[in-house]
Protein backbone atom coordinates (compact mmCIF):
# COMPACT_ATOMS: atom_id res chain seq x y z
CA MET A 1 102.17 106.87 93.17
CA LEU A 2 98.79 105.40 92.40
CA SER A 3 99.20 103.20 95.48
CA LEU A 4 99.53 106.24 97.57
CA VAL A 5 96.13 107.42 96.37
CA ILE A 6 94.73 103.90 96.96
CA SER A 7 95.97 103.77 100.48
CA VAL A 8 94.16 107.10 101.33
CA LEU A 9 90.88 106.44 99.45
CA GLU A 10 90.51 102.75 100.36
CA ASP A 11 90.99 100.52 103.35
CA CYS A 12 94.26 99.07 102.25
CA TYR A 13 98.01 100.05 102.53
CA GLY A 14 101.50 98.86 101.79
CA LEU A 15 101.93 95.92 99.48
CA GLN A 16 98.17 95.39 99.32
CA ALA A 17 97.84 98.88 97.82
CA LEU A 18 100.67 98.27 95.40
CA GLY A 19 98.90 95.05 94.19
CA LYS A 20 95.58 96.79 93.76
CA ALA A 21 97.28 99.60 91.85
CA GLU A 22 98.85 96.98 89.58
CA LYS A 23 95.53 95.34 88.97
CA LEU A 24 93.83 98.70 88.19
CA VAL A 25 96.46 100.03 85.89
CA LYS A 26 96.26 96.97 83.53
CA GLY A 27 95.46 98.08 80.13
CA ARG A 28 96.13 101.70 80.85
CA LYS A 29 99.94 101.42 81.49
CA VAL A 30 100.81 103.90 78.73
CA VAL A 31 98.59 106.62 80.19
CA GLY A 32 100.16 106.00 83.60
CA LEU A 33 103.66 106.05 82.11
CA VAL A 34 102.92 109.35 80.35
CA LEU A 35 101.53 110.82 83.46
CA SER A 36 104.70 109.79 85.44
CA PHE A 37 106.95 111.15 82.70
CA VAL A 38 105.12 114.53 82.74
CA VAL A 39 105.43 114.76 86.49
CA MET A 40 109.11 113.95 86.35
CA ILE A 41 109.77 116.61 83.72
CA LEU A 42 107.96 119.27 85.89
CA TYR A 43 110.21 118.45 88.83
CA SER A 44 113.31 120.03 87.35
CA PRO A 45 112.84 123.81 86.78
CA GLY A 46 115.72 124.96 89.07
CA ILE A 47 118.34 124.87 86.30
CA LEU A 48 116.14 126.86 84.04
CA PHE A 49 115.38 129.47 86.50
CA SER A 50 119.11 129.77 87.58
CA MET A 51 120.10 130.39 83.90
CA ILE A 52 117.34 133.04 83.44
CA ASN A 53 118.32 134.98 86.54
CA LYS A 54 121.69 136.36 85.66
CA ASN A 55 121.28 140.18 86.47
CA GLN A 56 124.35 141.41 88.29
CA GLN A 57 123.73 139.35 91.34
CA THR A 58 126.20 137.23 93.32
CA VAL A 59 126.29 133.57 92.73
CA THR A 60 124.95 132.97 96.30
CA THR A 61 121.92 135.11 95.70
CA GLN A 62 121.31 133.47 92.28
CA ILE A 63 121.50 129.94 94.05
CA LEU A 64 119.20 131.15 96.84
CA ILE A 65 116.51 132.47 94.42
CA ALA A 66 116.73 129.42 92.20
CA TYR A 67 116.39 127.11 95.19
CA GLY A 68 113.39 129.06 96.59
CA ILE A 69 111.70 129.01 93.28
CA THR A 70 112.47 125.26 92.79
CA VAL A 71 111.10 124.28 96.31
CA ASN A 72 107.96 126.25 95.79
CA PHE A 73 107.49 124.99 92.35
CA ASN A 74 108.09 121.47 93.37
CA ILE A 75 105.58 121.61 96.15
CA LEU A 76 102.94 122.89 93.68
CA VAL A 77 103.91 119.99 91.24
CA LYS A 78 103.51 117.53 94.13
CA ILE A 79 99.98 118.79 94.88
CA LEU A 80 98.92 118.82 91.24
CA SER A 81 100.46 115.44 90.53
CA MET A 82 98.55 113.82 93.55
CA MET A 83 95.35 115.39 92.00
CA ALA A 84 96.20 114.02 88.62
CA TYR A 85 96.80 110.49 90.13
CA THR A 86 93.57 110.87 92.01
CA VAL A 87 91.65 111.55 88.72
CA PHE A 88 93.51 108.79 87.06
CA TYR A 89 92.50 106.45 89.92
CA PHE A 90 88.78 107.24 89.50
CA GLU A 91 89.00 106.75 85.72
CA LEU A 92 90.56 103.35 86.23
CA LYS A 93 87.90 102.41 88.58
CA GLU A 94 85.17 103.42 86.15
CA SER A 95 86.95 101.62 83.15
CA HIS A 96 87.02 98.44 85.32
CA GLY A 97 83.31 98.85 86.03
CA GLU A 98 83.87 99.15 89.83
CA GLN A 99 81.39 101.32 91.82
CA ILE A 100 82.78 104.57 93.00
CA VAL A 101 81.67 105.22 96.44
CA VAL A 102 82.07 108.68 97.86
CA GLU A 103 80.95 109.08 101.45
CA GLU A 104 78.61 112.00 101.87
CA ASP A 105 78.91 112.13 105.61
CA MET A 106 82.55 113.04 105.44
CA GLU A 107 83.08 116.49 106.91
CA TYR A 108 85.27 118.35 109.15
CA SER A 109 84.60 117.95 112.89
CA LYS A 110 85.80 119.93 115.90
CA MET A 111 88.58 118.43 117.94
CA SER A 112 88.49 118.30 121.65
CA SER A 113 89.66 121.55 123.33
CA ILE A 114 90.86 119.83 126.43
CA PRO A 115 94.55 120.69 126.83
CA LEU A 116 96.83 117.58 126.48
CA VAL A 117 99.18 118.95 129.22
CA ASP A 118 98.09 120.21 132.52
CA SER A 119 98.42 124.07 132.55
CA ASP A 120 99.57 124.13 136.27
CA LEU A 121 102.77 122.34 135.37
CA PRO A 122 105.86 124.61 135.06
C-alpha cells in the first residue's frame, strides 16, 4: 500500500516503488503492520450490519441493505486508508532525514474544450 503512495508522490513505479517502500519502512515495520491490521479489520462490517438489521424484512432486502452499506463503508475506508498511508509516508521520510518537497505550483488547470470527435459525424 505504501508503494502506491510512493508511485503517486514520486517519480517511480512498480518494483522500484516497492523497493523504495521497503527501504523507507525499515525500523517502523510494527507501525506499518498495525496500520495494515486496522485497515483489514475496518473492511469487514457487512456481517455486523446484516445481523443488526433483522426487522421483518425479507432475506433479499437484508442482503441488499447489508451489501449497500458494506460497499459504501469500504469506499470510505479505502479513502481514509490511503490518507493514513500518505501521512505514514511523510512521517517515514522525515524520520529518515529526507527532504519533503511539496510543489507549490501544483494547481488545477483547464482542459481543452475542443471536442475529440467532429460534431458533424452521425
